[in-house]
Structures are given as C-alpha cells and as structure tokens.
Protein backbone atom coordinates (compact mmCIF):
# COMPACT_ATOMS: atom_id res chain seq x y z
CA UNK A 1 1.38 29.03 -7.37
CA UNK A 2 3.59 26.03 -7.82
CA UNK A 3 6.86 25.84 -5.96
CA UNK A 4 10.01 25.68 -8.03
CA UNK A 5 12.07 22.52 -7.86
CA UNK A 6 14.59 23.85 -5.33
CA UNK A 7 11.82 25.28 -3.21
CA UNK A 8 10.00 21.96 -3.19
CA UNK A 9 13.18 20.17 -2.14
CA UNK A 10 13.84 22.65 0.58
CA UNK A 11 10.26 22.38 1.84
CA UNK A 12 10.56 18.59 1.97
CA UNK A 13 13.98 18.18 3.54
CA UNK A 14 15.32 19.07 6.96
CA UNK A 15 16.43 22.66 7.11
CA UNK A 16 19.67 23.44 5.20
CA UNK A 17 20.38 19.71 4.60
CA UNK A 18 20.26 19.69 0.78
CA UNK A 19 23.52 18.90 -1.01
CA UNK A 20 23.05 19.35 -4.74
CA UNK A 21 25.08 16.90 -6.84
CA UNK A 22 25.54 19.12 -9.87
CA UNK A 23 24.18 22.66 -10.12
CA UNK A 24 23.13 22.53 -13.77
CA UNK A 25 19.37 22.97 -13.69
CA UNK A 26 19.39 23.57 -17.46
CA UNK A 27 19.72 19.80 -17.86
CA UNK A 28 16.14 19.48 -16.60
CA UNK A 29 16.86 17.87 -13.24
CA UNK A 30 17.96 18.98 -9.78
CA UNK A 31 19.53 16.03 -8.00
CA UNK A 32 21.22 15.59 -4.66
CA UNK A 33 20.95 14.29 -1.19
CA UNK A 34 19.52 15.61 2.03
CA UNK A 35 17.93 14.55 5.26
CA UNK A 36 14.47 13.85 6.53
CA UNK A 37 14.13 13.51 10.30
CA UNK A 38 17.94 13.41 10.35
CA UNK A 39 18.12 10.44 8.01
CA UNK A 40 19.77 10.60 4.52
CA UNK A 41 17.66 10.53 1.37
CA UNK A 42 18.33 11.01 -2.36
CA UNK A 43 16.05 13.30 -4.31
CA UNK A 44 15.61 14.15 -8.00
CA UNK A 45 13.24 16.87 -9.14
CA UNK A 46 12.42 18.00 -12.63
CA UNK A 47 12.92 21.76 -13.15
CA UNK A 48 9.87 22.51 -15.20
CA UNK A 49 10.70 26.21 -15.63
CA UNK A 50 13.91 25.30 -17.53
CA UNK A 51 12.96 22.10 -19.23
CA UNK A 52 14.68 21.93 -22.68
CA UNK A 53 12.79 20.83 -25.76
CA UNK A 54 14.19 17.30 -25.33
CA UNK A 55 12.71 16.24 -21.95
CA UNK A 56 15.44 13.60 -21.52
CA UNK A 57 18.43 15.86 -22.14
CA UNK A 58 20.95 15.45 -19.38
CA UNK A 59 18.89 12.84 -17.53
CA UNK A 60 22.21 11.08 -16.96
CA UNK A 61 22.37 13.06 -13.76
CA UNK A 62 19.36 11.12 -12.56
CA UNK A 63 20.90 7.82 -13.47
CA UNK A 64 23.99 8.79 -11.51
CA UNK A 65 21.79 9.43 -8.48
CA UNK A 66 20.20 5.97 -8.76
CA UNK A 67 23.61 4.32 -9.16
CA UNK A 68 24.73 6.14 -6.01
CA UNK A 69 21.67 4.82 -4.14
CA UNK A 70 22.64 1.28 -5.10
CA UNK A 71 26.17 1.74 -3.78
CA UNK A 72 25.20 3.71 -0.62
CA UNK A 73 21.59 2.77 0.12
CA UNK A 74 19.08 5.47 1.14
CA UNK A 75 15.53 6.26 0.02
CA UNK A 76 14.94 7.70 -3.44
CA UNK A 77 12.36 10.49 -3.93
CA UNK A 78 11.22 11.59 -7.39
CA UNK A 79 9.31 14.82 -8.06
CA UNK A 80 7.95 14.69 -11.57
CA UNK A 81 6.66 17.87 -13.21
CA UNK A 82 6.63 18.70 -16.93
CA UNK A 83 3.79 21.10 -17.68
CA UNK A 84 2.16 20.57 -21.09
CA UNK A 85 4.26 17.52 -21.93
CA UNK A 86 1.37 15.06 -22.13
CA UNK A 87 -1.74 17.15 -22.91
CA UNK A 88 -1.04 19.31 -25.95
CA UNK A 89 -1.63 17.89 -29.40
CA UNK A 90 0.81 20.47 -30.63
CA UNK A 91 3.57 18.79 -28.64
CA UNK A 92 5.49 16.38 -30.99
CA UNK A 93 5.21 12.74 -29.98
CA UNK A 94 8.73 12.18 -31.31
CA UNK A 95 11.60 12.88 -28.88
CA UNK A 96 15.03 14.00 -30.06
CA UNK A 97 17.44 11.16 -30.84
CA UNK A 98 14.73 8.48 -30.32
CA UNK A 99 16.85 5.47 -31.42
CA UNK A 100 19.67 6.40 -29.04
CA UNK A 101 17.18 6.94 -26.24
CA UNK A 102 15.63 3.57 -26.92
CA UNK A 103 18.73 1.44 -27.64
CA UNK A 104 21.60 3.06 -25.70
CA UNK A 105 22.57 1.02 -22.66
CA UNK A 106 22.48 4.26 -20.66
CA UNK A 107 19.09 5.25 -22.09
CA UNK A 108 15.52 4.83 -20.74
CA UNK A 109 15.96 1.09 -20.18
CA UNK A 110 18.75 1.77 -17.65
CA UNK A 111 16.49 4.16 -15.82
CA UNK A 112 13.82 1.50 -15.43
CA UNK A 113 16.39 -1.21 -14.52
CA UNK A 114 17.92 0.89 -11.75
CA UNK A 115 14.55 1.47 -10.13
CA UNK A 116 13.82 -2.21 -10.43
CA UNK A 117 17.16 -3.14 -8.84
CA UNK A 118 16.56 -0.70 -5.98
CA UNK A 119 13.18 -2.24 -5.23
CA UNK A 120 13.13 -3.84 -1.81
CA UNK A 121 16.54 -2.44 -0.97
CA UNK A 122 15.50 1.15 -0.29
CA UNK A 123 12.12 2.91 -0.14
CA UNK A 124 11.18 4.66 -3.39
CA UNK A 125 8.39 7.26 -3.59
CA UNK A 126 7.27 9.50 -6.40
CA UNK A 127 5.39 12.81 -6.33
CA UNK A 128 3.54 13.49 -9.60
CA UNK A 129 2.75 17.18 -10.01
CA UNK A 130 1.66 17.29 -13.68
CA UNK A 131 0.31 15.08 -16.40
CA UNK A 132 3.02 12.52 -17.31
CA UNK A 133 3.10 10.24 -20.33
CA UNK A 134 4.88 7.69 -22.49
CA UNK A 135 8.24 6.59 -21.21
CA UNK A 136 8.01 8.75 -18.04
CA UNK A 137 5.13 6.70 -16.60
CA UNK A 138 7.24 3.60 -15.86
CA UNK A 139 9.59 5.11 -13.30
CA UNK A 140 6.58 6.35 -11.46
CA UNK A 141 5.02 2.87 -11.34
CA UNK A 142 8.33 1.30 -10.35
CA UNK A 143 8.31 3.29 -7.07
CA UNK A 144 6.88 1.70 -3.88
CA UNK A 145 4.50 4.62 -3.28
CA UNK A 146 3.02 7.31 -5.54
CA UNK A 147 1.31 10.54 -4.42
CA UNK A 148 -0.35 12.63 -7.11
CA UNK A 149 -1.86 16.07 -7.27
CA UNK A 150 -5.54 16.03 -8.08
CA UNK A 151 -5.07 17.82 -11.47
CA UNK A 152 -2.14 15.61 -12.45
CA UNK A 153 -2.17 12.22 -14.13
CA UNK A 154 -0.30 9.72 -16.27
CA UNK A 155 -0.99 7.55 -19.35
CA UNK A 156 1.17 5.85 -21.85
CA UNK A 157 -0.61 7.57 -24.76
CA UNK A 158 -2.23 11.00 -24.57
CA UNK A 159 -5.80 11.39 -25.87
CA UNK A 160 -4.88 12.57 -29.38
CA UNK A 161 -2.36 9.79 -29.82
CA UNK A 162 -4.88 7.20 -28.59
CA UNK A 163 -7.42 8.41 -31.08
CA UNK A 164 -5.00 8.27 -33.98
CA UNK A 165 -3.67 4.85 -33.19
CA UNK A 166 -6.79 2.90 -32.14
CA UNK A 167 -9.66 5.30 -32.94
CA UNK A 168 -10.80 5.72 -29.33
CA UNK A 169 -11.98 9.19 -28.30
CA UNK A 170 -11.35 9.64 -24.59
CA UNK A 171 -10.82 12.63 -22.36
CA UNK A 172 -7.73 12.79 -20.19
CA UNK A 173 -9.51 12.42 -16.88
CA UNK A 174 -10.89 9.04 -17.88
CA UNK A 175 -7.69 7.97 -19.64
CA UNK A 176 -5.16 8.83 -16.98
CA UNK A 177 -6.50 11.28 -14.41
CA UNK A 178 -5.50 11.11 -10.77
CA UNK A 179 -8.95 10.02 -9.64
CA UNK A 180 -9.03 7.15 -12.13
CA UNK A 181 -5.65 5.87 -10.96
CA UNK A 182 -6.56 6.08 -7.30
CA UNK A 183 -9.95 4.39 -7.62
CA UNK A 184 -9.71 2.08 -10.64
CA UNK A 185 -6.18 1.20 -11.70
CA UNK A 186 -4.73 1.31 -8.19
CA UNK A 187 -1.52 2.99 -9.52
CA UNK A 188 -1.67 5.88 -7.07
CA UNK A 189 -1.57 5.59 -3.29
CA UNK A 190 -2.78 9.11 -2.45
CA UNK A 191 -4.41 12.02 -4.33
CA UNK A 192 -3.83 15.43 -2.75
CA UNK A 193 -4.99 18.97 -3.39
CA UNK A 194 -1.70 20.77 -2.89
CA UNK A 195 2.06 20.34 -3.14
CA UNK A 196 2.47 20.92 0.58
CA UNK A 197 0.11 18.02 1.27
CA UNK A 198 2.08 15.82 -1.14
CA UNK A 199 5.37 16.62 0.56
CA UNK A 200 3.81 15.96 3.91
CA UNK A 201 2.72 12.54 2.70
CA UNK A 202 6.27 11.70 1.68
CA UNK A 203 7.60 12.57 5.14
CA UNK A 204 4.85 10.64 6.85
CA UNK A 205 5.36 7.61 4.61
CA UNK A 206 9.12 7.50 5.25
CA UNK A 207 8.60 7.87 8.98
CA UNK A 208 7.39 4.28 9.12
CA UNK A 209 10.21 2.66 7.18
CA UNK A 210 13.88 1.94 7.68
CA UNK A 211 15.93 3.86 5.19
CA UNK A 212 17.36 0.59 3.83
CA UNK A 213 16.21 -2.99 4.09
CA UNK A 214 17.77 -4.73 7.08
CA UNK A 215 18.05 -1.52 9.15
CA UNK A 216 16.18 -1.14 12.45
CA UNK A 217 12.67 0.27 12.26
CA UNK A 218 12.31 3.91 13.26
CA UNK A 219 10.79 4.01 16.70
CA UNK A 220 8.94 6.87 18.37
CA UNK A 221 7.50 7.61 21.73
CA UNK A 222 4.24 5.70 22.50
CA UNK A 223 1.14 7.84 22.13
CA UNK A 224 -1.89 6.30 23.63
CA UNK A 225 -4.96 6.21 21.41
CA UNK A 226 -7.50 8.93 21.84
CA UNK A 227 -10.14 7.60 24.21
CA UNK A 228 -13.21 6.73 22.20
CA UNK A 229 -16.79 5.94 23.01
CA UNK A 230 -18.05 3.45 22.07
CA UNK A 231 -15.35 0.93 22.94
CA UNK A 232 -13.94 -1.64 20.55
CA UNK A 233 -16.41 -4.23 21.85
CA UNK A 234 -19.24 -1.80 21.28
CA UNK A 235 -18.06 -0.81 17.80
CA UNK A 236 -18.17 -4.44 16.51
CA UNK A 237 -21.79 -5.69 16.30
CA UNK A 238 -22.42 -9.34 17.03
CA UNK A 239 -24.65 -9.66 13.96
CA UNK A 240 -22.28 -10.45 11.06
CA UNK A 241 -24.74 -8.89 8.60
CA UNK A 242 -24.38 -5.41 10.11
CA UNK A 243 -21.47 -3.31 8.94
CA UNK A 244 -19.16 -1.36 11.26
CA UNK A 245 -16.40 1.24 11.01
CA UNK A 246 -13.13 -0.66 10.96
CA UNK A 247 -11.15 2.60 10.91
CA UNK A 248 -12.48 3.47 14.33
CA UNK A 249 -11.39 0.09 15.64
CA UNK A 250 -7.89 0.63 14.20
CA UNK A 251 -7.77 4.07 15.72
CA UNK A 252 -8.48 2.50 19.16
CA UNK A 253 -5.64 0.00 18.69
CA UNK A 254 -2.97 2.20 17.20
CA UNK A 255 -0.91 4.99 18.72
CA UNK A 256 -2.28 8.44 18.34
CA UNK A 257 -0.59 10.28 15.49
CA UNK A 258 2.52 12.41 16.02
CA UNK A 259 1.18 15.96 15.52
CA UNK A 260 4.41 16.92 13.74
CA UNK A 261 3.53 14.81 10.69
CA UNK A 262 0.50 16.99 10.28
CA UNK A 263 -1.91 14.24 9.18
CA UNK A 264 -3.81 13.82 12.38
CA UNK A 265 -4.38 10.18 11.45
CA UNK A 266 -3.17 7.17 13.41
CA UNK A 267 -3.21 5.07 10.23
CA UNK A 268 -1.47 6.03 6.96
CA UNK A 269 -3.58 4.18 4.38
CA UNK A 270 -2.05 2.98 1.18
CA UNK A 271 -4.34 2.93 -1.87
CA UNK A 272 -7.18 4.08 0.33
CA UNK A 273 -9.61 4.73 -2.55
CA UNK A 274 -8.81 1.47 -4.37
CA UNK A 275 -10.49 -1.88 -3.48
CA UNK A 276 -11.98 -0.27 -0.38
CA UNK A 277 -13.30 -3.63 0.84
CA UNK A 278 -9.86 -4.08 2.42
CA UNK A 279 -7.78 -1.65 4.42
CA UNK A 280 -3.96 -1.59 4.09
CA UNK A 281 -1.74 0.88 5.88
CA UNK A 282 0.95 1.79 8.36
CA UNK A 283 0.41 2.47 12.04
CA UNK A 284 2.37 2.50 15.25
CA UNK A 285 1.69 0.55 18.38
CA UNK A 286 3.87 1.30 21.41
CA UNK A 287 5.92 3.54 19.09
CA UNK A 288 6.81 0.68 16.70
CA UNK A 289 5.77 0.67 13.01
CA UNK A 290 3.44 -2.12 11.97
CA UNK A 291 1.59 -3.02 8.79
CA UNK A 292 -2.18 -3.34 9.13
CA UNK A 293 -4.46 -5.37 6.85
CA UNK A 294 -8.17 -5.30 7.75
CA UNK A 295 -11.43 -6.32 6.09
CA UNK A 296 -13.88 -3.43 5.64
CA UNK A 297 -17.47 -4.56 5.91
CA UNK A 298 -18.74 -1.11 4.90
CA UNK A 299 -17.61 -1.78 1.30
CA UNK A 300 -18.78 -4.91 -0.55
CA UNK A 301 -19.17 -6.62 2.81
CA UNK A 302 -15.38 -6.95 3.19
CA UNK A 303 -15.46 -9.80 0.62
CA UNK A 304 -12.26 -10.38 -1.32
CA UNK A 305 -12.33 -9.44 -5.06
CA UNK A 306 -9.42 -9.69 -7.51
CA UNK A 307 -8.50 -6.06 -6.94
CA UNK A 308 -8.46 -6.47 -3.13
CA UNK A 309 -6.22 -9.55 -3.49
CA UNK A 310 -3.73 -7.45 -5.52
CA UNK A 311 -3.90 -4.68 -2.95
CA UNK A 312 -3.06 -7.02 -0.08
CA UNK A 313 -0.29 -8.80 -2.02
CA UNK A 314 1.53 -5.60 -2.80
CA UNK A 315 1.21 -4.20 0.71
CA UNK A 316 2.38 -7.47 2.34
CA UNK A 317 5.32 -7.58 -0.06
CA UNK A 318 6.23 -3.99 0.81
CA UNK A 319 6.20 -4.64 4.57
CA UNK A 320 8.09 -7.89 4.14
CA UNK A 321 10.85 -6.20 2.12
CA UNK A 322 11.54 -3.66 4.87
CA UNK A 323 10.87 -5.77 7.96
CA UNK A 324 7.57 -4.43 9.25
CA UNK A 325 5.56 -6.97 11.31
CA UNK A 326 2.01 -7.52 10.04
CA UNK A 327 -1.31 -7.51 11.97
CA UNK A 328 -4.35 -8.95 10.17
CA UNK A 329 -7.72 -7.81 11.52
CA UNK A 330 -10.18 -10.30 10.17
CA UNK A 331 -13.87 -9.75 9.49
CA UNK A 332 -13.80 -11.87 6.40
CA UNK A 333 -16.72 -13.34 4.50
CA UNK A 334 -14.32 -15.03 2.10
CA UNK A 335 -14.03 -14.63 -1.65
CA UNK A 336 -16.56 -13.33 -4.17
CA UNK A 337 -18.07 -15.86 -6.53
CA UNK A 338 -19.56 -15.61 -10.04
CA UNK A 339 -18.59 -15.28 -13.65
CA UNK A 340 -17.40 -11.63 -13.39
CA UNK A 341 -14.71 -12.35 -10.77
CA UNK A 342 -13.71 -15.64 -12.40
CA UNK A 343 -13.12 -13.91 -15.71
CA UNK A 344 -11.15 -11.27 -13.82
CA UNK A 345 -8.86 -14.00 -12.52
CA UNK A 346 -9.84 -14.22 -8.86
CA UNK A 347 -8.33 -17.68 -8.49
CA UNK A 348 -4.98 -16.50 -9.81
CA UNK A 349 -5.05 -13.27 -7.74
CA UNK A 350 -6.07 -15.09 -4.58
CA UNK A 351 -3.30 -17.71 -5.10
CA UNK A 352 -0.72 -14.95 -5.46
CA UNK A 353 -1.96 -13.30 -2.30
CA UNK A 354 -1.73 -16.59 -0.38
CA UNK A 355 1.76 -17.28 -1.82
CA UNK A 356 2.91 -13.76 -0.75
CA UNK A 357 1.51 -14.11 2.82
CA UNK A 358 2.89 -17.65 3.27
CA UNK A 359 6.39 -16.66 2.13
CA UNK A 360 6.87 -13.55 4.31
CA UNK A 361 9.92 -13.37 6.47
CA UNK A 362 8.29 -10.95 8.95
CA UNK A 363 6.09 -12.02 11.88
CA UNK A 364 2.30 -12.10 11.42
CA UNK A 365 -0.50 -11.93 13.97
CA UNK A 366 -3.97 -13.01 12.82
CA UNK A 367 -6.87 -11.60 14.83
CA UNK A 368 -10.51 -12.60 14.22
CA UNK A 369 -12.56 -9.58 15.15
CA UNK A 370 -15.97 -10.97 14.28
CA UNK A 371 -16.05 -13.57 11.48
CA UNK A 372 -13.58 -15.60 9.46
CA UNK A 373 -15.23 -17.69 6.72
CA UNK A 374 -14.04 -20.14 4.10
CA UNK A 375 -10.61 -19.40 2.51
CA UNK A 376 -10.84 -15.86 3.84
CA UNK A 377 -9.24 -17.45 6.96
CA UNK A 378 -6.04 -17.95 4.96
CA UNK A 379 -6.28 -14.57 3.24
CA UNK A 380 -6.05 -13.05 6.72
CA UNK A 381 -2.94 -15.12 7.62
CA UNK A 382 -4.82 -17.79 9.51
CA UNK A 383 -3.75 -21.36 10.39
CA UNK A 384 -1.34 -22.87 7.96
CA UNK A 385 -0.08 -19.44 6.75
CA UNK A 386 2.54 -19.34 9.50
CA UNK A 387 1.10 -16.71 11.84
CA UNK A 388 2.89 -16.34 15.11
CA UNK A 389 -0.46 -16.56 16.72
CA UNK A 390 -4.08 -17.03 15.61
CA UNK A 391 -6.34 -15.29 18.13
CA UNK A 392 -9.99 -14.19 18.31
CA UNK A 393 -12.32 -11.88 20.29
CA UNK A 394 -14.83 -13.80 22.41
CA UNK A 395 -17.84 -13.30 20.10
CA UNK A 396 -15.98 -14.21 16.88
CA UNK A 397 -17.16 -16.93 14.49
CA UNK A 398 -14.77 -19.21 12.56
CA UNK A 399 -16.55 -21.31 10.01
CA UNK A 400 -16.75 -22.70 6.52
CA UNK A 401 -19.97 -20.69 6.00
CA UNK A 402 -21.92 -18.15 7.95
CA UNK A 403 -25.50 -18.98 8.85
CA UNK A 404 -26.99 -16.83 6.10
CA UNK A 405 -25.06 -18.68 3.38
CA UNK A 406 -25.56 -22.04 5.05
CA UNK A 407 -29.35 -21.45 5.03
CA UNK A 408 -29.21 -20.66 1.37
CA UNK A 409 -27.29 -23.80 0.56
CA UNK A 410 -29.51 -26.02 2.62
CA UNK A 411 -32.62 -27.48 1.03
CA UNK A 412 -35.81 -29.11 2.24
CA UNK A 413 -34.92 -32.62 1.11
CA UNK A 414 -31.49 -32.60 2.80
CA UNK A 415 -30.75 -35.99 4.32
CA UNK A 416 -30.34 -36.38 8.05
CA UNK A 417 -26.50 -36.61 7.78
CA UNK A 418 -26.19 -33.46 5.76
CA UNK A 419 -28.53 -31.51 8.09
CA UNK A 420 -26.52 -32.70 11.10
CA UNK A 421 -23.23 -31.67 9.52
CA UNK A 422 -24.66 -28.27 8.79
CA UNK A 423 -25.89 -27.78 12.33
CA UNK A 424 -22.66 -29.04 13.85
CA UNK A 425 -20.71 -26.58 11.71
CA UNK A 426 -22.85 -23.69 12.93
CA UNK A 427 -22.66 -24.82 16.53
CA UNK A 428 -18.90 -25.27 16.50
CA UNK A 429 -18.28 -21.99 14.71
CA UNK A 430 -18.93 -19.87 17.74
CA UNK A 431 -17.57 -22.35 20.33
CA UNK A 432 -14.14 -20.75 20.59
CA UNK A 433 -13.26 -22.55 23.82
CA UNK A 434 -13.72 -25.85 21.98
CA UNK A 435 -11.56 -24.68 19.12
CA UNK A 436 -8.91 -23.65 21.59
CA UNK A 437 -9.12 -26.99 23.35
CA UNK A 438 -8.58 -28.76 20.04
CA UNK A 439 -5.54 -26.60 19.30
CA UNK A 440 -7.25 -24.85 16.39
CA UNK A 441 -7.16 -21.41 18.07
CA UNK A 442 -4.28 -20.08 20.13
CA UNK A 443 -6.08 -17.51 22.35
CA UNK A 444 -9.38 -15.87 23.13
CA UNK A 445 -8.65 -12.18 23.86
CA UNK A 446 -11.04 -9.62 25.37
CA UNK A 447 -11.51 -6.53 23.12
CA UNK A 448 -10.20 -4.24 25.89
CA UNK A 449 -6.97 -6.23 26.02
CA UNK A 450 -6.31 -6.45 22.26
CA UNK A 451 -3.96 -3.40 22.05
CA UNK A 452 -1.89 -4.85 24.87
CA UNK A 453 -1.78 -8.19 23.04
CA UNK A 454 -0.55 -6.52 19.85
CA UNK A 455 2.09 -4.68 21.88
CA UNK A 456 3.24 -8.07 23.26
CA UNK A 457 3.38 -9.51 19.77
CA UNK A 458 5.59 -6.59 18.56
CA UNK A 459 8.15 -6.94 21.32
CA UNK A 460 11.67 -7.54 19.94
CA UNK A 461 10.57 -7.17 16.31
CA UNK A 462 12.10 -3.80 15.41
CA UNK A 463 15.70 -4.76 14.65
CA UNK A 464 15.17 -5.20 10.86
CA UNK A 465 16.61 -8.72 10.86
CA UNK A 466 13.43 -10.16 9.35
CA UNK A 467 13.41 -7.88 6.32
CA UNK A 468 13.48 -10.01 3.18
CA UNK A 469 14.93 -7.29 0.91
CA UNK A 470 13.00 -8.87 -1.95
CA UNK A 471 11.68 -6.64 -4.75
CA UNK A 472 8.25 -5.20 -3.96
CA UNK A 473 5.45 -6.79 -5.96
CA UNK A 474 4.20 -4.36 -8.63
CA UNK A 475 0.44 -5.06 -8.58
C-alpha cells in the first residue's frame, strides 16, 4: 500500500519537523520545509489521491518553494506520483489551458528555469513513484539525483501517443521503464522496490553533501573498514588480463557504513547499473565525504566507452559543485576503439570528460592500482590534469600500451629501432622507481598504507571553500 504524500514526508523527515507552506492539498501539491539529520530541506510532494483533472492546477505553490530555495538555500526534494497520468490511452493528451501553460512566464518554463538556476547551488533529488510523462519529465531530469520505484517510469510520449505520431509500437517498459532508464539511458541513479527504500536513499544521498554549495562538508565519526580477507594487495592480481572485484577494494579503503542509514554499504553508487565499466559514488574516509571514481575490470575490461565518459563527467561535476574531494582508483586500459564508438561520439565525450576533470576546483588524488594505459591516464586525473598527487601501488604499470596490445601491434618485419622502442616501453612501464626518479610519479605506496594515504590527502579539505557552485552537468 502506497503512503500518502504527508505520510511520505513524515517518513522522510526528522520527527515532527515538517512545516507545511500552505495546507491546500486540493491544489495537487504538499509543499513545505523540514529537517533531515537536523538540517533544513525543502520538499514538494504530489498528492495523488486528490489530483485534479488538470495536473498543473495550483502548481504555483511549487514554484514558490523553488523561489524560496533560491533566496534561502537548502536542498530541494521532489516526490512525483500521478497514477494513471501516463499510461492510459483514455487520458486526454491535452491539458487544460495549454497555451497559458506553455507561454505564461509563470508556467512550465519557469518551473524548468528555477531547477536549472538552483543546480550547483543546492542539492536536488527526485523520487519517482509512478509513470511520469510529457512536461513532467524535465523537472525530474534537472535534479542531481533520481531514485525510481521499479514499476515507475518516465517518457516524453506515452506508447499510444508514440504510435500515433511516428507509427512505432512499443511497450512502456522499453519506452520509459525504470530498468531501461537505469541501464540504458542513465537517467536514473537508483531503482528500488519500495517507497521506504527510496526515502532511505534520499537520506543517505544527502548525508554526503553540504546543504548548499560553499558550506562545510558533513562529517561523521570514523568507522574503520570491516577487516577483509584477502587484503587489498591480494585482491588485485598482477596479471592485467585477470579481472578483480573493485568494490571489495573500495570497501577496504572506505569507512564502514553508518548503520543508521540502513544501507549497509560503505559506497553509495550513483548510476550503478549504467556504464558499469566505471564506478562512481560517495564514500567516507576518516568520517569525511569523498567522491570515488574507479575502473571496473569485471565489465568490458574497465575500458572507457562514450557512456562511461558521460557518467564520469556528470559525477565529477556534481562533486565539484559541492566541494567533495575526488579519489580516482585507476585500473585503466584506455578508450575503446572501432566504428561503433566513433559513431557514438567517443572523441567528443572523452574530451568533455577531460575538460570537466581539468577544470575542477576540488582536490584530486590519482591512484594507479594496477594499470594505467594510453589516454586512460588522463581520464583518471593523471599528470597534466592537476591532481594533487599521482601515486601508484608497487606492482602497477604505467604505459602507452600493455604487453598484450603491444604484441598485437608488433610485426615480424619491425625494424631494430621500432623493436627497441617497444621493448623499452614495456621495461619502463613497470619500473616505478625510475618513473619516480624522473619526476613522473609522486609516490609508490604499499597497498596496506593506501587508506592512510587517502586520509592524509583529505586533511583540511572539508570546509567547502573549494566548491565551484557551477551547474551540475546534465549528461
């Protein structure tokens, strides 16, 4: 049984903290402010039980809430739920007063503009409980994070409208289902089975962020990682062609989760099901929030594709807006090649990722766990991308090519000079002490000391002064 709007709000916020702005639920919205972990938030929830025939009637209350958030910054939470709005062919596709809705300066355009203007200033997160469509999809996508119930979804046109306009017959799951958006479009950060799980995600997400750009990061008590066996050094195989579980490595580096957030996870992944060859998410080390970017060799070898470039760009932008330092855990084989990725714009997407990383205001630490090949070095904030430090584990390899690719590119009639260059490259790739002597590598760190080194990197970086406040990239 679904919770009503007020029940959802009360379940999400601190006990008895909700202050409703205007108690007129007949307008279709419940809006107000409250507190999460003692910190102020704004919240707007659609009252599905009393939604009038015109879904936008009275949505001025929501605009007022967004205007208030601009004047007195605090996170904005949307709970979107309009049963039957976007699935029934019997539902008219024509809203009441469509021209006014379209052209009025206080119409839908203002709704979009306010979310856009809030981007990077305060966190914005949306909970999608039902199937949303048409004009209601854009406020969802303008939020920094989206959590969606597994039976919910969103699409600009519903299936019957799509068929009438372009002749395509498609079911809703393929057109705009939660699974599709989580795995293919990348428009949803988390798909959940229940409303309770969705609300828990909201609280967990906000626990890592300042409630306005420029504020200090929310600290917590340090919780040492759960002791694991094997160790980090044992988890990472020397052979670069063997995959390993990067999430276990992150769990060994990050603080153990606060049991009160209910997740049991030391890493809150963003877009976990999308572009799985790279991991992006929030963690804590020594109680301080940090953004983690890591190559995932268990999916597509951890190679960068256009989608993974977009995933990294958005997450780096989000952390930069709100002042979270970034730790890059590199096991990078570089960028994918071939006509498919070229036609998908990999050069453009990679360039945007590099631009985003290079222009961050927050501090970056680049750690080579095992391999760092070709331009993947720069995608993981390596030399030239302004990392505070570029460090590596003792068995790491830093090279233009790995041996397997170098062998494929070599040929029997190679001249002596080419063969020597190839062998020198392979020899130098694993000689980290020589790289350090030449000033090409800052440090060689033992795996057992890596968490302590990350703690050292994070010292003094929680005051929020490095937050850029720039709009979060919508990718």
